[in-house]
PDB file of N, CA and C in Angstrom:
ATOM      1  N   MET A   1       0.850  -1.200   0.031  1.00  0.00           N
ATOM      2  CA  MET A   1      -0.012  -0.026  -0.033  1.00  0.00           C
ATOM      3  C   MET A   1       0.905   1.298   0.023  1.00  0.00           C
ATOM      4  N   ARG A   2       1.980   1.218   0.701  1.00  0.00           N
ATOM      5  CA  ARG A   2       2.814   2.424   0.778  1.00  0.00           C
ATOM      6  C   ARG A   2       3.401   2.832  -0.499  1.00  0.00           C
ATOM      7  N   ASP A   3       3.550   1.804  -1.444  1.00  0.00           N
ATOM      8  CA  ASP A   3       4.175   2.195  -2.758  1.00  0.00           C
ATOM      9  C   ASP A   3       3.102   2.972  -3.597  1.00  0.00           C
ATOM     10  N   LEU A   4       1.882   3.043  -3.175  1.00  0.00           N
ATOM     11  CA  LEU A   4       0.833   3.860  -3.941  1.00  0.00           C
ATOM     12  C   LEU A   4       0.751   5.327  -3.464  1.00  0.00           C
ATOM     13  N   LEU A   5       1.292   5.602  -2.295  1.00  0.00           N
ATOM     14  CA  LEU A   5       1.086   6.909  -1.700  1.00  0.00           C
ATOM     15  C   LEU A   5       1.450   8.070  -2.566  1.00  0.00           C
ATOM     16  N   ASP A   6       2.581   8.027  -3.262  1.00  0.00           N
ATOM     17  CA  ASP A   6       2.987   9.213  -4.107  1.00  0.00           C
ATOM     18  C   ASP A   6       2.020   9.539  -5.213  1.00  0.00           C
ATOM     19  N   ASP A   7       1.555   8.399  -5.858  1.00  0.00           N
ATOM     20  CA  ASP A   7       0.627   8.559  -6.882  1.00  0.00           C
ATOM     21  C   ASP A   7      -0.757   8.980  -6.410  1.00  0.00           C
ATOM     22  N   LEU A   8      -1.193   8.434  -5.244  1.00  0.00           N
ATOM     23  CA  LEU A   8      -2.386   8.906  -4.652  1.00  0.00           C
ATOM     24  C   LEU A   8      -2.439  10.333  -4.241  1.00  0.00           C
ATOM     25  N   ASP A   9      -1.345  10.778  -3.739  1.00  0.00           N
ATOM     26  CA  ASP A   9      -1.173  12.211  -3.374  1.00  0.00           C
ATOM     27  C   ASP A   9      -1.308  13.057  -4.638  1.00  0.00           C
ATOM     28  N   ARG A  10      -0.636  12.616  -5.729  1.00  0.00           N
ATOM     29  CA  ARG A  10      -0.637  13.378  -7.017  1.00  0.00           C
ATOM     30  C   ARG A  10      -2.108  13.460  -7.514  1.00  0.00           C
ATOM     31  N   TRP A  11      -2.804  12.329  -7.517  1.00  0.00           N
ATOM     32  CA  TRP A  11      -4.157  12.302  -8.009  1.00  0.00           C
ATOM     33  C   TRP A  11      -5.049  13.102  -7.177  1.00  0.00           C
ATOM     34  N   ARG A  12      -4.878  13.066  -5.802  1.00  0.00           N
ATOM     35  CA  ARG A  12      -5.765  13.890  -4.876  1.00  0.00           C
ATOM     36  C   ARG A  12      -5.506  15.378  -5.185  1.00  0.00           C
ATOM     37  N   ALA A  13      -4.269  15.811  -5.465  1.00  0.00           N
ATOM     38  CA  ALA A  13      -4.031  17.173  -5.712  1.00  0.00           C
ATOM     39  C   ALA A  13      -4.586  17.635  -7.086  1.00  0.00           C
ATOM     40  N   ALA A  14      -4.736  16.688  -7.942  1.00  0.00           N
ATOM     41  CA  ALA A  14      -5.334  16.955  -9.190  1.00  0.00           C
ATOM     42  C   ALA A  14      -6.869  16.861  -9.172  1.00  0.00           C
ATOM     43  N   GLY A  15      -7.419  16.427  -8.121  1.00  0.00           N
ATOM     44  CA  GLY A  15      -8.873  16.297  -8.018  1.00  0.00           C
ATOM     45  C   GLY A  15      -9.487  15.110  -8.693  1.00  0.00           C
ATOM     46  N   LYS A  16      -8.578  14.070  -8.832  1.00  0.00           N
ATOM     47  CA  LYS A  16      -9.166  12.819  -9.515  1.00  0.00           C
ATOM     48  C   LYS A  16      -9.890  11.988  -8.542  1.00  0.00           C
ATOM     49  N   ARG A  17     -10.948  11.328  -9.002  1.00  0.00           N
ATOM     50  CA  ARG A  17     -11.637  10.377  -8.277  1.00  0.00           C
ATOM     51  C   ARG A  17     -10.825   8.992  -8.360  1.00  0.00           C
ATOM     52  N   VAL A  18     -10.855   8.253  -7.333  1.00  0.00           N
ATOM     53  CA  VAL A  18      -9.941   7.025  -7.304  1.00  0.00           C
ATOM     54  C   VAL A  18     -10.674   5.857  -6.654  1.00  0.00           C
ATOM     55  N   ALA A  19     -10.570   4.728  -7.221  1.00  0.00           N
ATOM     56  CA  ALA A  19     -11.067   3.469  -6.526  1.00  0.00           C
ATOM     57  C   ALA A  19      -9.897   2.666  -6.089  1.00  0.00           C
ATOM     58  N   LEU A  20      -9.964   2.058  -4.929  1.00  0.00           N
ATOM     59  CA  LEU A  20      -8.954   1.253  -4.328  1.00  0.00           C
ATOM     60  C   LEU A  20      -9.390  -0.225  -4.270  1.00  0.00           C
ATOM     61  N   ALA A  21      -8.643  -1.065  -4.819  1.00  0.00           N
ATOM     62  CA  ALA A  21      -8.853  -2.468  -4.764  1.00  0.00           C
ATOM     63  C   ALA A  21      -7.825  -3.191  -3.836  1.00  0.00           C
ATOM     64  N   ARG A  22      -8.288  -3.946  -2.894  1.00  0.00           N
ATOM     65  CA  ARG A  22      -7.364  -4.665  -2.011  1.00  0.00           C
ATOM     66  C   ARG A  22      -7.711  -6.093  -1.925  1.00  0.00           C
ATOM     67  N   VAL A  23      -6.697  -6.970  -1.822  1.00  0.00           N
ATOM     68  CA  VAL A  23      -6.921  -8.354  -1.595  1.00  0.00           C
ATOM     69  C   VAL A  23      -7.276  -8.631  -0.163  1.00  0.00           C
ATOM     70  N   VAL A  24      -8.514  -9.127   0.079  1.00  0.00           N
ATOM     71  CA  VAL A  24      -8.905  -9.302   1.398  1.00  0.00           C
ATOM     72  C   VAL A  24      -8.848 -10.783   1.843  1.00  0.00           C
ATOM     73  N   ASP A  25      -8.762 -11.745   0.953  1.00  0.00           N
ATOM     74  CA  ASP A  25      -8.700 -13.138   1.185  1.00  0.00           C
ATOM     75  C   ASP A  25      -8.247 -13.927   0.042  1.00  0.00           C
ATOM     76  N   ILE A  26      -7.607 -15.046   0.230  1.00  0.00           N
ATOM     77  CA  ILE A  26      -7.275 -15.917  -0.778  1.00  0.00           C
ATOM     78  C   ILE A  26      -7.711 -17.296  -0.427  1.00  0.00           C
ATOM     79  N   GLU A  27      -8.036 -18.195  -1.370  1.00  0.00           N
ATOM     80  CA  GLU A  27      -8.306 -19.505  -1.113  1.00  0.00           C
ATOM     81  C   GLU A  27      -7.343 -20.334  -1.911  1.00  0.00           C
ATOM     82  N   GLY A  28      -6.656 -21.275  -1.337  1.00  0.00           N
ATOM     83  CA  GLY A  28      -5.646 -22.046  -2.047  1.00  0.00           C
ATOM     84  C   GLY A  28      -4.506 -21.122  -2.431  1.00  0.00           C
ATOM     85  N   SER A  29      -3.907 -21.409  -3.587  1.00  0.00           N
ATOM     86  CA  SER A  29      -2.828 -20.598  -4.059  1.00  0.00           C
ATOM     87  C   SER A  29      -3.145 -19.318  -4.646  1.00  0.00           C
ATOM     88  N   GLY A  30      -2.530 -18.181  -4.277  1.00  0.00           N
ATOM     89  CA  GLY A  30      -2.911 -16.884  -4.854  1.00  0.00           C
ATOM     90  C   GLY A  30      -1.686 -16.109  -5.211  1.00  0.00           C
ATOM     91  N   PRO A  31      -1.699 -15.355  -6.202  1.00  0.00           N
ATOM     92  CA  PRO A  31      -0.602 -14.542  -6.697  1.00  0.00           C
ATOM     93  C   PRO A  31      -0.068 -13.477  -5.707  1.00  0.00           C
ATOM     94  N   ARG A  32      -0.918 -12.910  -5.002  1.00  0.00           N
ATOM     95  CA  ARG A  32      -0.533 -11.841  -3.973  1.00  0.00           C
ATOM     96  C   ARG A  32      -1.249 -12.129  -2.670  1.00  0.00           C
ATOM     97  N   ASP A  33      -0.651 -11.715  -1.565  1.00  0.00           N
ATOM     98  CA  ASP A  33      -1.194 -11.986  -0.244  1.00  0.00           C
ATOM     99  C   ASP A  33      -2.218 -10.925   0.134  1.00  0.00           C
ATOM    100  N   PRO A  34      -3.063 -11.244   1.089  1.00  0.00           N
ATOM    101  CA  PRO A  34      -4.074 -10.233   1.541  1.00  0.00           C
ATOM    102  C   PRO A  34      -3.262  -8.976   1.976  1.00  0.00           C
ATOM    103  N   GLY A  35      -3.907  -7.813   1.603  1.00  0.00           N
ATOM    104  CA  GLY A  35      -3.237  -6.548   1.828  1.00  0.00           C
ATOM    105  C   GLY A  35      -2.728  -5.849   0.608  1.00  0.00           C
ATOM    106  N   ALA A  36      -2.398  -6.703  -0.428  1.00  0.00           N
ATOM    107  CA  ALA A  36      -1.911  -6.142  -1.737  1.00  0.00           C
ATOM    108  C   ALA A  36      -2.948  -5.205  -2.262  1.00  0.00           C
ATOM    109  N   ALA A  37      -2.522  -4.122  -2.832  1.00  0.00           N
ATOM    110  CA  ALA A  37      -3.499  -3.123  -3.232  1.00  0.00           C
ATOM    111  C   ALA A  37      -3.169  -2.501  -4.590  1.00  0.00           C
ATOM    112  N   MET A  38      -4.230  -2.038  -5.193  1.00  0.00           N
ATOM    113  CA  MET A  38      -4.093  -1.375  -6.481  1.00  0.00           C
ATOM    114  C   MET A  38      -5.118  -0.214  -6.548  1.00  0.00           C
ATOM    115  N   ALA A  39      -4.649   0.924  -7.112  1.00  0.00           N
ATOM    116  CA  ALA A  39      -5.559   1.982  -7.235  1.00  0.00           C
ATOM    117  C   ALA A  39      -5.737   2.345  -8.679  1.00  0.00           C
ATOM    118  N   VAL A  40      -6.993   2.794  -9.047  1.00  0.00           N
ATOM    119  CA  VAL A  40      -7.382   3.202 -10.401  1.00  0.00           C
ATOM    120  C   VAL A  40      -8.043   4.552 -10.366  1.00  0.00           C
ATOM    121  N   ASN A  41      -7.595   5.473 -11.166  1.00  0.00           N
ATOM    122  CA  ASN A  41      -8.288   6.835 -11.110  1.00  0.00           C
ATOM    123  C   ASN A  41      -9.298   6.843 -12.225  1.00  0.00           C
ATOM    124  N   GLU A  42     -10.095   7.870 -12.243  1.00  0.00           N
ATOM    125  CA  GLU A  42     -11.218   7.979 -13.155  1.00  0.00           C
ATOM    126  C   GLU A  42     -10.733   7.986 -14.635  1.00  0.00           C
ATOM    127  N   ASP A  43      -9.441   8.219 -14.957  1.00  0.00           N
ATOM    128  CA  ASP A  43      -8.912   8.261 -16.320  1.00  0.00           C
ATOM    129  C   ASP A  43      -8.453   6.862 -16.623  1.00  0.00           C
ATOM    130  N   GLY A  44      -8.531   5.932 -15.697  1.00  0.00           N
ATOM    131  CA  GLY A  44      -8.031   4.555 -15.973  1.00  0.00           C
ATOM    132  C   GLY A  44      -6.593   4.356 -15.742  1.00  0.00           C
ATOM    133  N   GLU A  45      -5.905   5.331 -15.121  1.00  0.00           N
ATOM    134  CA  GLU A  45      -4.472   5.126 -14.669  1.00  0.00           C
ATOM    135  C   GLU A  45      -4.438   4.197 -13.482  1.00  0.00           C
ATOM    136  N   VAL A  46      -3.460   3.372 -13.493  1.00  0.00           N
ATOM    137  CA  VAL A  46      -3.358   2.307 -12.431  1.00  0.00           C
ATOM    138  C   VAL A  46      -1.933   2.348 -11.749  1.00  0.00           C
ATOM    139  N   VAL A  47      -2.028   2.108 -10.463  1.00  0.00           N
ATOM    140  CA  VAL A  47      -0.751   1.901  -9.697  1.00  0.00           C
ATOM    141  C   VAL A  47      -1.012   0.687  -8.743  1.00  0.00           C
ATOM    142  N   GLY A  48       0.081  -0.088  -8.563  1.00  0.00           N
ATOM    143  CA  GLY A  48      -0.072  -1.182  -7.651  1.00  0.00           C
ATOM    144  C   GLY A  48      -0.444  -2.458  -8.349  1.00  0.00           C
ATOM    145  N   SER A  49      -0.647  -3.483  -7.605  1.00  0.00           N
ATOM    146  CA  SER A  49      -1.036  -4.803  -8.199  1.00  0.00           C
ATOM    147  C   SER A  49      -1.752  -5.529  -7.149  1.00  0.00           C
ATOM    148  N   VAL A  50      -2.835  -6.300  -7.592  1.00  0.00           N
ATOM    149  CA  VAL A  50      -3.514  -7.250  -6.716  1.00  0.00           C
ATOM    150  C   VAL A  50      -3.257  -8.730  -7.105  1.00  0.00           C
ATOM    151  N   SER A  51      -2.590  -8.922  -8.281  1.00  0.00           N
ATOM    152  CA  SER A  51      -2.454 -10.198  -8.862  1.00  0.00           C
ATOM    153  C   SER A  51      -1.205 -10.448  -9.559  1.00  0.00           C
ATOM    154  N   GLY A  52      -0.271  -9.558  -9.568  1.00  0.00           N
ATOM    155  CA  GLY A  52       0.968  -9.736 -10.355  1.00  0.00           C
ATOM    156  C   GLY A  52       0.685  -9.603 -11.834  1.00  0.00           C
ATOM    157  N   GLY A  53      -0.498  -9.154 -12.238  1.00  0.00           N
ATOM    158  CA  GLY A  53      -0.825  -9.012 -13.622  1.00  0.00           C
ATOM    159  C   GLY A  53      -1.723  -9.874 -14.235  1.00  0.00           C
ATOM    160  N   CYS A  54      -2.178 -10.921 -13.572  1.00  0.00           N
ATOM    161  CA  CYS A  54      -3.034 -11.843 -14.279  1.00  0.00           C
ATOM    162  C   CYS A  54      -4.558 -11.487 -14.289  1.00  0.00           C
ATOM    163  N   VAL A  55      -5.058 -10.610 -13.359  1.00  0.00           N
ATOM    164  CA  VAL A  55      -6.402 -10.217 -13.412  1.00  0.00           C
ATOM    165  C   VAL A  55      -6.545  -8.642 -13.376  1.00  0.00           C
ATOM    166  N   GLU A  56      -5.463  -8.020 -13.534  1.00  0.00           N
ATOM    167  CA  GLU A  56      -5.443  -6.553 -13.425  1.00  0.00           C
ATOM    168  C   GLU A  56      -6.463  -5.935 -14.383  1.00  0.00           C
ATOM    169  N   GLY A  57      -6.498  -6.326 -15.620  1.00  0.00           N
ATOM    170  CA  GLY A  57      -7.405  -5.702 -16.483  1.00  0.00           C
ATOM    171  C   GLY A  57      -8.881  -5.784 -16.054  1.00  0.00           C
ATOM    172  N   ALA A  58      -9.283  -6.928 -15.570  1.00  0.00           N
ATOM    173  CA  ALA A  58     -10.614  -7.096 -15.132  1.00  0.00           C
ATOM    174  C   ALA A  58     -10.872  -6.286 -13.834  1.00  0.00           C
ATOM    175  N   VAL A  59      -9.920  -6.152 -12.984  1.00  0.00           N
ATOM    176  CA  VAL A  59     -10.061  -5.367 -11.794  1.00  0.00           C
ATOM    177  C   VAL A  59     -10.181  -3.859 -12.219  1.00  0.00           C
ATOM    178  N   VAL A  60      -9.515  -3.418 -13.194  1.00  0.00           N
ATOM    179  CA  VAL A  60      -9.676  -2.040 -13.643  1.00  0.00           C
ATOM    180  C   VAL A  60     -11.037  -1.787 -14.118  1.00  0.00           C
ATOM    181  N   GLY A  61     -11.662  -2.710 -14.808  1.00  0.00           N
ATOM    182  CA  GLY A  61     -13.050  -2.536 -15.172  1.00  0.00           C
ATOM    183  C   GLY A  61     -14.019  -2.438 -14.055  1.00  0.00           C
ATOM    184  N   GLU A  62     -13.729  -3.335 -13.088  1.00  0.00           N
ATOM    185  CA  GLU A  62     -14.585  -3.296 -11.854  1.00  0.00           C
ATOM    186  C   GLU A  62     -14.426  -1.894 -11.047  1.00  0.00           C
ATOM    187  N   ALA A  63     -13.102  -1.473 -10.999  1.00  0.00           N
ATOM    188  CA  ALA A  63     -12.924  -0.283 -10.280  1.00  0.00           C
ATOM    189  C   ALA A  63     -13.550   0.948 -11.019  1.00  0.00           C
ATOM    190  N   LEU A  64     -13.584   0.991 -12.311  1.00  0.00           N
ATOM    191  CA  LEU A  64     -14.236   2.059 -13.008  1.00  0.00           C
ATOM    192  C   LEU A  64     -15.796   2.002 -12.784  1.00  0.00           C
ATOM    193  N   GLU A  65     -16.292   0.813 -12.680  1.00  0.00           N
ATOM    194  CA  GLU A  65     -17.741   0.669 -12.384  1.00  0.00           C
ATOM    195  C   GLU A  65     -18.018   1.235 -10.998  1.00  0.00           C
ATOM    196  N   VAL A  66     -17.090   0.976 -10.000  1.00  0.00           N
ATOM    197  CA  VAL A  66     -17.241   1.413  -8.646  1.00  0.00           C
ATOM    198  C   VAL A  66     -17.287   3.022  -8.707  1.00  0.00           C
ATOM    199  N   LEU A  67     -16.455   3.557  -9.513  1.00  0.00           N
ATOM    200  CA  LEU A  67     -16.421   5.047  -9.686  1.00  0.00           C
ATOM    201  C   LEU A  67     -17.655   5.572 -10.233  1.00  0.00           C
ATOM    202  N   ARG A  68     -18.264   4.825 -11.189  1.00  0.00           N
ATOM    203  CA  ARG A  68     -19.490   5.267 -11.806  1.00  0.00           C
ATOM    204  C   ARG A  68     -20.640   5.171 -10.838  1.00  0.00           C
ATOM    205  N   ASP A  69     -20.754   4.058 -10.112  1.00  0.00           N
ATOM    206  CA  ASP A  69     -21.999   3.983  -9.250  1.00  0.00           C
ATOM    207  C   ASP A  69     -21.728   4.330  -7.807  1.00  0.00           C
ATOM    208  N   GLY A  70     -20.493   4.554  -7.441  1.00  0.00           N
ATOM    209  CA  GLY A  70     -20.148   4.896  -6.047  1.00  0.00           C
ATOM    210  C   GLY A  70     -20.296   3.888  -4.973  1.00  0.00           C
ATOM    211  N   ALA A  71     -20.583   2.614  -5.351  1.00  0.00           N
ATOM    212  CA  ALA A  71     -20.856   1.598  -4.350  1.00  0.00           C
ATOM    213  C   ALA A  71     -19.618   0.635  -4.348  1.00  0.00           C
ATOM    214  N   ALA A  72     -19.172   0.379  -3.150  1.00  0.00           N
ATOM    215  CA  ALA A  72     -18.130  -0.630  -2.869  1.00  0.00           C
ATOM    216  C   ALA A  72     -18.657  -1.950  -3.275  1.00  0.00           C
ATOM    217  N   ARG A  73     -17.781  -2.899  -3.619  1.00  0.00           N
ATOM    218  CA  ARG A  73     -18.200  -4.252  -3.986  1.00  0.00           C
ATOM    219  C   ARG A  73     -17.019  -5.244  -3.672  1.00  0.00           C
ATOM    220  N   LEU A  74     -17.491  -6.470  -3.445  1.00  0.00           N
ATOM    221  CA  LEU A  74     -16.533  -7.566  -3.400  1.00  0.00           C
ATOM    222  C   LEU A  74     -16.430  -8.187  -4.677  1.00  0.00           C
ATOM    223  N   ALA A  75     -15.262  -8.526  -5.112  1.00  0.00           N
ATOM    224  CA  ALA A  75     -15.062  -9.238  -6.436  1.00  0.00           C
ATOM    225  C   ALA A  75     -14.221 -10.517  -6.152  1.00  0.00           C
ATOM    226  N   ARG A  76     -14.483 -11.499  -6.927  1.00  0.00           N
ATOM    227  CA  ARG A  76     -13.834 -12.779  -6.700  1.00  0.00           C
ATOM    228  C   ARG A  76     -13.318 -13.301  -8.047  1.00  0.00           C
ATOM    229  N   PHE A  77     -12.138 -13.727  -8.043  1.00  0.00           N
ATOM    230  CA  PHE A  77     -11.466 -14.306  -9.263  1.00  0.00           C
ATOM    231  C   PHE A  77     -10.827 -15.628  -8.894  1.00  0.00           C
ATOM    232  N   GLY A  78     -11.279 -16.677  -9.595  1.00  0.00           N
ATOM    233  CA  GLY A  78     -10.627 -18.004  -9.321  1.00  0.00           C
ATOM    234  C   GLY A  78     -10.449 -18.792 -10.576  1.00  0.00           C
ATOM    235  N   TYR A  79      -9.683 -19.825 -10.408  1.00  0.00           N
ATOM    236  CA  TYR A  79      -9.330 -20.678 -11.578  1.00  0.00           C
ATOM    237  C   TYR A  79     -10.660 -21.248 -12.231  1.00  0.00           C
ATOM    238  N   SER A  80     -11.620 -21.466 -11.511  1.00  0.00           N
ATOM    239  CA  SER A  80     -12.754 -22.115 -12.193  1.00  0.00           C
ATOM    240  C   SER A  80     -13.764 -21.093 -12.823  1.00  0.00           C
ATOM    241  N   ASP A  81     -13.554 -19.781 -12.566  1.00  0.00           N
ATOM    242  CA  ASP A  81     -14.306 -18.719 -13.141  1.00  0.00           C
ATOM    243  C   ASP A  81     -13.869 -18.567 -14.565  1.00  0.00           C
ATOM    244  N   ASP A  82     -14.820 -18.608 -15.573  1.00  0.00           N
ATOM    245  CA  ASP A  82     -14.472 -18.432 -16.957  1.00  0.00           C
ATOM    246  C   ASP A  82     -13.704 -17.138 -17.156  1.00  0.00           C
ATOM    247  N   GLU A  83     -14.212 -16.018 -16.545  1.00  0.00           N
ATOM    248  CA  GLU A  83     -13.536 -14.687 -16.761  1.00  0.00           C
ATOM    249  C   GLU A  83     -12.163 -14.714 -16.168  1.00  0.00           C
ATOM    250  N   ALA A  84     -11.923 -15.263 -15.027  1.00  0.00           N
ATOM    251  CA  ALA A  84     -10.680 -15.212 -14.389  1.00  0.00           C
ATOM    252  C   ALA A  84      -9.706 -16.063 -15.259  1.00  0.00           C
ATOM    253  N   PHE A  85     -10.129 -17.191 -15.719  1.00  0.00           N
ATOM    254  CA  PHE A  85      -9.280 -18.053 -16.557  1.00  0.00           C
ATOM    255  C   PHE A  85      -8.883 -17.375 -17.851  1.00  0.00           C
ATOM    256  N   ALA A  86      -9.875 -16.689 -18.388  1.00  0.00           N
ATOM    257  CA  ALA A  86      -9.678 -15.869 -19.637  1.00  0.00           C
ATOM    258  C   ALA A  86      -8.590 -14.823 -19.453  1.00  0.00           C
ATOM    259  N   VAL A  87      -8.562 -14.163 -18.287  1.00  0.00           N
ATOM    260  CA  VAL A  87      -7.655 -13.122 -18.095  1.00  0.00           C
ATOM    261  C   VAL A  87      -6.291 -13.619 -17.460  1.00  0.00           C
ATOM    262  N   GLY A  88      -6.261 -14.999 -17.200  1.00  0.00           N
ATOM    263  CA  GLY A  88      -4.994 -15.540 -16.841  1.00  0.00           C
ATOM    264  C   GLY A  88      -4.688 -15.898 -15.356  1.00  0.00           C
ATOM    265  N   LEU A  89      -5.800 -16.079 -14.567  1.00  0.00           N
ATOM    266  CA  LEU A  89      -5.537 -16.509 -13.163  1.00  0.00           C
ATOM    267  C   LEU A  89      -5.473 -17.990 -13.192  1.00  0.00           C
ATOM    268  N   THR A  90      -4.219 -18.502 -13.427  1.00  0.00           N
ATOM    269  CA  THR A  90      -4.050 -20.000 -13.517  1.00  0.00           C
ATOM    270  C   THR A  90      -3.365 -20.550 -12.348  1.00  0.00           C
ATOM    271  N   CYS A  91      -3.181 -19.840 -11.252  1.00  0.00           N
ATOM    272  CA  CYS A  91      -2.379 -20.303 -10.103  1.00  0.00           C
ATOM    273  C   CYS A  91      -3.245 -21.351  -9.264  1.00  0.00           C
ATOM    274  N   GLY A  92      -4.512 -21.571  -9.665  1.00  0.00           N
ATOM    275  CA  GLY A  92      -5.297 -22.645  -9.002  1.00  0.00           C
ATOM    276  C   GLY A  92      -6.120 -22.172  -7.785  1.00  0.00           C
ATOM    277  N   GLY A  93      -5.886 -21.011  -7.387  1.00  0.00           N
ATOM    278  CA  GLY A  93      -6.633 -20.478  -6.174  1.00  0.00           C
ATOM    279  C   GLY A  93      -7.718 -19.424  -6.576  1.00  0.00           C
ATOM    280  N   THR A  94      -8.279 -18.858  -5.575  1.00  0.00           N
ATOM    281  CA  THR A  94      -9.288 -17.836  -5.697  1.00  0.00           C
ATOM    282  C   THR A  94      -8.847 -16.600  -4.937  1.00  0.00           C
ATOM    283  N   ILE A  95      -8.949 -15.365  -5.442  1.00  0.00           N
ATOM    284  CA  ILE A  95      -8.699 -14.167  -4.734  1.00  0.00           C
ATOM    285  C   ILE A  95      -9.987 -13.391  -4.577  1.00  0.00           C
ATOM    286  N   HIS A  96     -10.116 -12.838  -3.339  1.00  0.00           N
ATOM    287  CA  HIS A  96     -11.218 -12.005  -2.991  1.00  0.00           C
ATOM    288  C   HIS A  96     -10.748 -10.587  -2.809  1.00  0.00           C
ATOM    289  N   LEU A  97     -11.438  -9.680  -3.524  1.00  0.00           N
ATOM    290  CA  LEU A  97     -10.923  -8.217  -3.501  1.00  0.00           C
ATOM    291  C   LEU A  97     -12.160  -7.416  -2.952  1.00  0.00           C
ATOM    292  N   LEU A  98     -11.774  -6.361  -2.205  1.00  0.00           N
ATOM    293  CA  LEU A  98     -12.752  -5.317  -1.775  1.00  0.00           C
ATOM    294  C   LEU A  98     -12.299  -4.126  -2.709  1.00  0.00           C
ATOM    295  N   ILE A  99     -13.310  -3.636  -3.417  1.00  0.00           N
ATOM    296  CA  ILE A  99     -13.056  -2.538  -4.343  1.00  0.00           C
ATOM    297  C   ILE A  99     -13.964  -1.415  -3.982  1.00  0.00           C
ATOM    298  N   GLU A 100     -13.444  -0.238  -3.542  1.00  0.00           N
ATOM    299  CA  GLU A 100     -14.258   0.829  -2.966  1.00  0.00           C
ATOM    300  C   GLU A 100     -13.750   2.193  -3.426  1.00  0.00           C
ATOM    301  N   PRO A 101     -14.583   3.117  -3.505  1.00  0.00           N
ATOM    302  CA  PRO A 101     -14.147   4.522  -3.953  1.00  0.00           C
ATOM    303  C   PRO A 101     -13.381   5.046  -2.733  1.00  0.00           C
ATOM    304  N   LEU A 102     -12.254   5.747  -3.016  1.00  0.00           N
ATOM    305  CA  LEU A 102     -11.439   6.315  -2.042  1.00  0.00           C
ATOM    306  C   LEU A 102     -12.021   7.650  -1.680  1.00  0.00           C
ATOM    307  N   ASP A 103     -12.300   7.833  -0.397  1.00  0.00           N
ATOM    308  CA  ASP A 103     -12.861   9.097   0.093  1.00  0.00           C
ATOM    309  C   ASP A 103     -11.718   9.923   0.611  1.00  0.00           C
ATOM    310  N   TRP A 104     -11.387  10.992  -0.060  1.00  0.00           N
ATOM    311  CA  TRP A 104     -10.375  11.877   0.247  1.00  0.00           C
ATOM    312  C   TRP A 104     -10.622  12.519   1.667  1.00  0.00           C
TER     313      TRP A 104
END
């Protein structure tokens, strides 16, 4: 999370809306441990990582939806999910993310 702070400060100063995605749980094997974070601003700029790259694109889409509707959500990506497999989560586990708008 600390590696995001410089970019978050810059985005806040620019008045950007931001969604924060955090790994809150994993089942089985996961690419990143709970606490891993990624931020997405309203322009689609991204900092951080919740999966080492394998589901980042899908998480950006979820984060932009959170910014559109303003509601936090839980997202789950696992090996058995068609979407997660399509975007490359092949580690065999499931990751659970909390994606929420960042309230400055």
